[in-house]
């Protein structure tokens, strides 16, 4: 597999294959079609699809409650009301089940966000609508954070690939806005991670930490958009002391002239 280190290169590459929906999400996740086929034995009957869905739903709950390493295939089968032998018809290991779920979560997120912003006419509107949709999504799917973040302790490369490729997909949407002058000339990779980071932790707080509350999500979005529109510093805050750049206090200015006093 070719590793693309430049985010903008990945983003432009993804735009070339955007017209192939069935390939878009697997390529953007750094996984080819053959790899997907090795993760799961896709059912061909309606009954088989129902069983696979039961396994995925049960695994999501078990991983959410016990964590990946604290869970067993038997735990998942018991909750899904299937025999352990049935599990192995679809997956050959807990790891491949988890990896498939991570890909599906990524697909769910991108699909949900794409639907939410499809009618937006500006990048600013897309950021606003997208954040609100993301907060709604996290409140409906709190388990999602467990599946994504636990990958760091299951297989670090999965965690890295998830966010690097998510950043590439984000960048692919930001590049046209930069080229049209709608967005400032800020490094695309830096900007993508800043926006992703903000969304990630806003979702963590208002979607997971406060899952039993009923927060005003529109207020959260409004406050975030203040940062997007105006930054966080006032004119006073933007004024840096002279010593800030060099790390040392600047020498005070001395007058050019001197008047001698009598002894």
Protein backbone atom coordinates (compact mmCIF):
# COMPACT_ATOMS: atom_id res chain seq x y z
CA UNK A 1 0.00 0.00 0.00
CA UNK A 2 1.31 3.46 -0.89
CA UNK A 3 1.61 5.78 2.10
CA UNK A 4 0.74 9.38 1.26
CA UNK A 5 2.38 11.74 3.74
CA UNK A 6 1.09 14.95 2.32
CA UNK A 7 -2.50 15.53 3.40
CA UNK A 8 -3.35 17.70 0.42
CA UNK A 9 -2.08 14.99 -1.94
CA UNK A 10 -4.37 12.48 -0.27
CA UNK A 11 -7.26 14.90 -0.43
CA UNK A 12 -6.81 15.52 -4.15
CA UNK A 13 -6.46 11.79 -4.77
CA UNK A 14 -9.74 11.15 -2.94
CA UNK A 15 -11.48 13.73 -5.09
CA UNK A 16 -10.54 11.70 -8.17
CA UNK A 17 -12.34 8.61 -6.89
CA UNK A 18 -15.29 10.47 -5.33
CA UNK A 19 -17.57 9.34 -8.15
CA UNK A 20 -17.23 5.69 -7.03
CA UNK A 21 -19.35 5.51 -3.84
CA UNK A 22 -18.63 1.86 -3.10
CA UNK A 23 -14.89 2.48 -3.09
CA UNK A 24 -14.75 5.96 -1.58
CA UNK A 25 -14.97 5.09 2.11
CA UNK A 26 -12.75 2.01 2.02
CA UNK A 27 -9.99 3.80 0.13
CA UNK A 28 -10.26 6.85 2.37
CA UNK A 29 -9.76 4.56 5.36
CA UNK A 30 -6.61 3.12 3.81
CA UNK A 31 -8.25 -0.26 3.27
CA UNK A 32 -8.72 -1.92 -0.11
CA UNK A 33 -11.67 -4.05 -1.16
CA UNK A 34 -9.76 -7.29 -0.69
CA UNK A 35 -9.06 -6.33 2.94
CA UNK A 36 -12.75 -5.67 3.59
CA UNK A 37 -13.57 -9.11 2.25
CA UNK A 38 -11.08 -10.70 4.66
CA UNK A 39 -12.67 -9.00 7.65
CA UNK A 40 -16.21 -10.31 7.26
CA UNK A 41 -18.01 -13.03 5.37
CA UNK A 42 -20.83 -10.94 3.92
CA UNK A 43 -24.21 -12.75 4.16
CA UNK A 44 -26.21 -13.32 1.00
CA UNK A 45 -29.61 -13.87 2.60
CA UNK A 46 -31.95 -11.57 4.51
CA UNK A 47 -31.73 -13.82 7.55
CA UNK A 48 -27.95 -13.76 7.39
CA UNK A 49 -27.95 -9.95 7.29
CA UNK A 50 -30.20 -9.84 10.33
CA UNK A 51 -27.78 -12.13 12.21
CA UNK A 52 -24.77 -10.01 11.22
CA UNK A 53 -26.58 -6.91 12.42
CA UNK A 54 -27.30 -8.61 15.76
CA UNK A 55 -23.60 -9.42 16.15
CA UNK A 56 -22.56 -5.83 15.41
CA UNK A 57 -25.16 -4.34 17.75
CA UNK A 58 -24.21 -6.71 20.56
CA UNK A 59 -20.49 -6.08 20.04
CA UNK A 60 -21.01 -2.31 20.18
CA UNK A 61 -22.75 -2.63 23.56
CA UNK A 62 -20.28 -5.14 24.99
CA UNK A 63 -17.24 -3.09 23.90
CA UNK A 64 -18.92 0.03 25.32
CA UNK A 65 -19.54 -1.59 28.70
CA UNK A 66 -16.46 -3.81 29.09
CA UNK A 67 -13.92 -2.49 26.62
CA UNK A 68 -12.32 -4.52 23.85
CA UNK A 69 -9.79 -6.36 26.02
CA UNK A 70 -12.36 -7.05 28.75
CA UNK A 71 -14.82 -8.59 26.30
CA UNK A 72 -15.03 -12.07 24.87
CA UNK A 73 -16.68 -13.56 21.83
CA UNK A 74 -18.94 -15.48 24.22
CA UNK A 75 -20.09 -12.19 25.77
CA UNK A 76 -21.05 -10.92 22.32
CA UNK A 77 -22.77 -14.15 21.31
CA UNK A 78 -24.74 -14.28 24.54
CA UNK A 79 -26.08 -10.76 24.06
CA UNK A 80 -26.78 -11.42 20.37
CA UNK A 81 -28.59 -14.68 21.30
CA UNK A 82 -26.53 -16.77 18.89
CA UNK A 83 -24.28 -19.79 19.26
CA UNK A 84 -20.52 -19.14 19.23
CA UNK A 85 -20.26 -21.24 16.09
CA UNK A 86 -22.56 -18.80 14.31
CA UNK A 87 -20.15 -15.97 15.11
CA UNK A 88 -17.38 -17.71 13.17
CA UNK A 89 -19.54 -17.90 10.08
CA UNK A 90 -19.09 -14.13 9.79
CA UNK A 91 -15.80 -13.33 11.56
CA UNK A 92 -12.71 -15.38 12.22
CA UNK A 93 -11.61 -13.31 15.25
CA UNK A 94 -12.64 -10.58 17.66
CA UNK A 95 -9.96 -8.35 16.13
CA UNK A 96 -11.44 -8.55 12.63
CA UNK A 97 -14.90 -7.88 14.08
CA UNK A 98 -13.53 -4.78 15.80
CA UNK A 99 -11.71 -3.57 12.67
CA UNK A 100 -14.86 -3.99 10.59
CA UNK A 101 -16.86 -2.05 13.19
CA UNK A 102 -14.30 0.78 13.12
CA UNK A 103 -14.71 1.03 9.35
CA UNK A 104 -18.49 0.99 9.67
CA UNK A 105 -18.44 3.73 12.33
CA UNK A 106 -16.31 5.87 10.03
CA UNK A 107 -18.77 5.26 7.22
CA UNK A 108 -21.72 6.14 9.48
CA UNK A 109 -20.10 9.41 10.54
CA UNK A 110 -19.18 10.52 7.03
CA UNK A 111 -22.55 9.51 5.64
CA UNK A 112 -24.38 11.40 8.40
CA UNK A 113 -22.24 14.53 7.98
CA UNK A 114 -22.50 14.46 4.18
CA UNK A 115 -26.29 14.29 4.35
CA UNK A 116 -26.40 17.16 6.83
CA UNK A 117 -24.32 19.58 4.76
CA UNK A 118 -25.35 18.55 1.24
CA UNK A 119 -27.50 21.68 0.74
CA UNK A 120 -25.05 24.14 2.32
CA UNK A 121 -23.94 26.88 -0.04
CA UNK A 122 -20.81 28.05 1.83
CA UNK A 123 -17.99 26.54 3.85
CA UNK A 124 -19.04 28.57 6.88
CA UNK A 125 -22.57 27.20 6.68
CA UNK A 126 -21.18 23.69 6.27
CA UNK A 127 -19.05 24.07 9.42
CA UNK A 128 -22.02 25.31 11.42
CA UNK A 129 -24.53 22.73 10.16
CA UNK A 130 -21.91 19.99 10.33
CA UNK A 131 -21.06 20.71 13.97
CA UNK A 132 -24.72 20.65 14.99
CA UNK A 133 -25.20 17.36 13.13
CA UNK A 134 -22.07 15.96 14.80
CA UNK A 135 -23.31 16.85 18.28
CA UNK A 136 -26.66 15.22 17.52
CA UNK A 137 -24.83 12.15 16.20
CA UNK A 138 -22.64 11.77 19.30
CA UNK A 139 -25.67 11.97 21.60
CA UNK A 140 -27.40 9.21 19.64
CA UNK A 141 -24.26 7.07 19.33
CA UNK A 142 -22.14 7.57 22.47
CA UNK A 143 -20.50 4.15 22.01
CA UNK A 144 -18.77 5.52 18.93
CA UNK A 145 -16.04 7.23 20.98
CA UNK A 146 -15.17 3.94 22.67
CA UNK A 147 -14.83 2.13 19.36
CA UNK A 148 -12.65 4.82 17.78
CA UNK A 149 -10.39 5.74 20.67
CA UNK A 150 -9.85 2.23 21.96
CA UNK A 151 -8.10 1.47 18.67
CA UNK A 152 -5.06 3.27 20.12
CA UNK A 153 -4.67 0.40 22.61
CA UNK A 154 -5.69 -2.39 20.25
CA UNK A 155 -3.57 -1.52 17.22
CA UNK A 156 -2.00 1.94 17.19
CA UNK A 157 -1.80 1.97 13.39
CA UNK A 158 -5.59 1.67 13.18
CA UNK A 159 -5.87 4.80 15.34
CA UNK A 160 -3.31 6.67 13.24
CA UNK A 161 -4.90 5.61 9.94
CA UNK A 162 -8.37 6.58 11.16
CA UNK A 163 -7.46 10.18 11.91
CA UNK A 164 -4.94 10.70 9.11
CA UNK A 165 -7.47 9.59 6.56
CA UNK A 166 -10.31 11.46 8.22
CA UNK A 167 -8.11 14.55 8.00
CA UNK A 168 -7.55 13.88 4.30
CA UNK A 169 -11.29 13.69 3.71
CA UNK A 170 -11.81 16.93 5.67
CA UNK A 171 -9.04 18.63 3.71
CA UNK A 172 -10.67 17.59 0.47
CA UNK A 173 -13.65 19.76 1.42
CA UNK A 174 -11.54 22.69 2.62
CA UNK A 175 -9.30 22.99 -0.44
CA UNK A 176 -12.00 24.40 -2.78
CA UNK A 177 -12.97 26.96 -0.11
CA UNK A 178 -9.34 28.06 0.15
CA UNK A 179 -8.94 28.24 -3.62
CA UNK A 180 -12.08 30.39 -3.95
CA UNK A 181 -10.89 32.79 -1.24
CA UNK A 182 -13.66 31.86 1.18
CA UNK A 183 -11.17 30.50 3.72
CA UNK A 184 -7.92 32.16 4.71
CA UNK A 185 -4.61 30.87 3.43
CA UNK A 186 -3.93 28.56 6.38
CA UNK A 187 -2.12 25.26 6.05
CA UNK A 188 -4.86 22.76 5.17
CA UNK A 189 -3.56 20.00 7.40
CA UNK A 190 -3.29 22.31 10.41
CA UNK A 191 -6.75 23.75 9.79
CA UNK A 192 -8.30 20.30 9.36
CA UNK A 193 -6.91 19.01 12.64
CA UNK A 194 -7.95 22.19 14.48
CA UNK A 195 -11.55 21.86 13.27
CA UNK A 196 -11.58 18.10 13.87
CA UNK A 197 -10.16 18.59 17.36
CA UNK A 198 -12.76 21.18 18.27
CA UNK A 199 -15.61 19.00 17.03
CA UNK A 200 -14.15 15.94 18.72
CA UNK A 201 -14.00 17.48 22.17
CA UNK A 202 -17.23 19.43 21.92
CA UNK A 203 -18.89 16.13 21.04
CA UNK A 204 -17.09 14.39 23.88
CA UNK A 205 -18.37 16.91 26.43
CA UNK A 206 -21.92 17.51 25.19
CA UNK A 207 -22.45 14.06 23.69
CA UNK A 208 -20.78 11.72 26.19
CA UNK A 209 -20.00 13.54 29.46
CA UNK A 210 -23.46 15.16 29.51
CA UNK A 211 -25.38 12.32 27.91
CA UNK A 212 -28.02 12.37 30.69
CA UNK A 213 -28.56 16.13 30.42
CA UNK A 214 -30.50 18.09 27.84
CA UNK A 215 -28.02 20.77 26.73
CA UNK A 216 -28.79 23.59 24.33
CA UNK A 217 -26.73 22.42 21.37
CA UNK A 218 -27.59 25.50 19.32
CA UNK A 219 -25.96 27.62 22.01
CA UNK A 220 -22.80 25.48 21.85
CA UNK A 221 -22.69 25.85 18.08
CA UNK A 222 -23.24 29.61 18.31
CA UNK A 223 -20.34 29.97 20.74
CA UNK A 224 -18.08 27.90 18.49
CA UNK A 225 -18.99 30.04 15.49
CA UNK A 226 -17.87 33.13 17.44
CA UNK A 227 -14.40 31.58 17.46
CA UNK A 228 -14.60 30.78 13.76
CA UNK A 229 -15.80 34.26 12.83
CA UNK A 230 -13.80 36.48 15.19
CA UNK A 231 -11.03 34.45 16.82
CA UNK A 232 -10.56 34.51 20.61
CA UNK A 233 -8.40 37.60 21.14
CA UNK A 234 -9.52 41.20 21.46
CA UNK A 235 -7.39 44.04 20.08
CA UNK A 236 -5.78 44.27 23.51
CA UNK A 237 -5.09 40.55 23.55
CA UNK A 238 -3.48 40.69 20.11
CA UNK A 239 -0.89 43.22 21.33
CA UNK A 240 2.21 41.30 22.36
CA UNK A 241 4.81 42.83 24.68
CA UNK A 242 8.15 43.53 23.01
CA UNK A 243 9.90 40.91 25.12
CA UNK A 244 7.59 38.10 23.96
CA UNK A 245 9.44 37.43 20.72
CA UNK A 246 12.94 37.22 22.16
CA UNK A 247 12.11 35.74 25.54
CA UNK A 248 13.94 38.61 27.33
CA UNK A 249 12.69 41.93 28.60
CA UNK A 250 13.42 44.67 26.08
CA UNK A 251 15.89 47.34 27.22
CA UNK A 252 14.18 50.63 27.99
CA UNK A 253 14.80 53.40 25.49
CA UNK A 254 17.29 56.04 26.63
CA UNK A 255 17.20 59.69 25.59
CA UNK A 256 19.67 60.72 22.89
CA UNK A 257 20.77 63.81 24.81
CA UNK A 258 22.27 64.41 28.24
CA UNK A 259 22.25 67.47 30.45
CA UNK A 260 25.04 67.44 33.06
CA UNK A 261 24.22 68.39 36.65
CA UNK A 262 26.63 70.38 38.75
CA UNK A 263 28.49 68.45 41.46
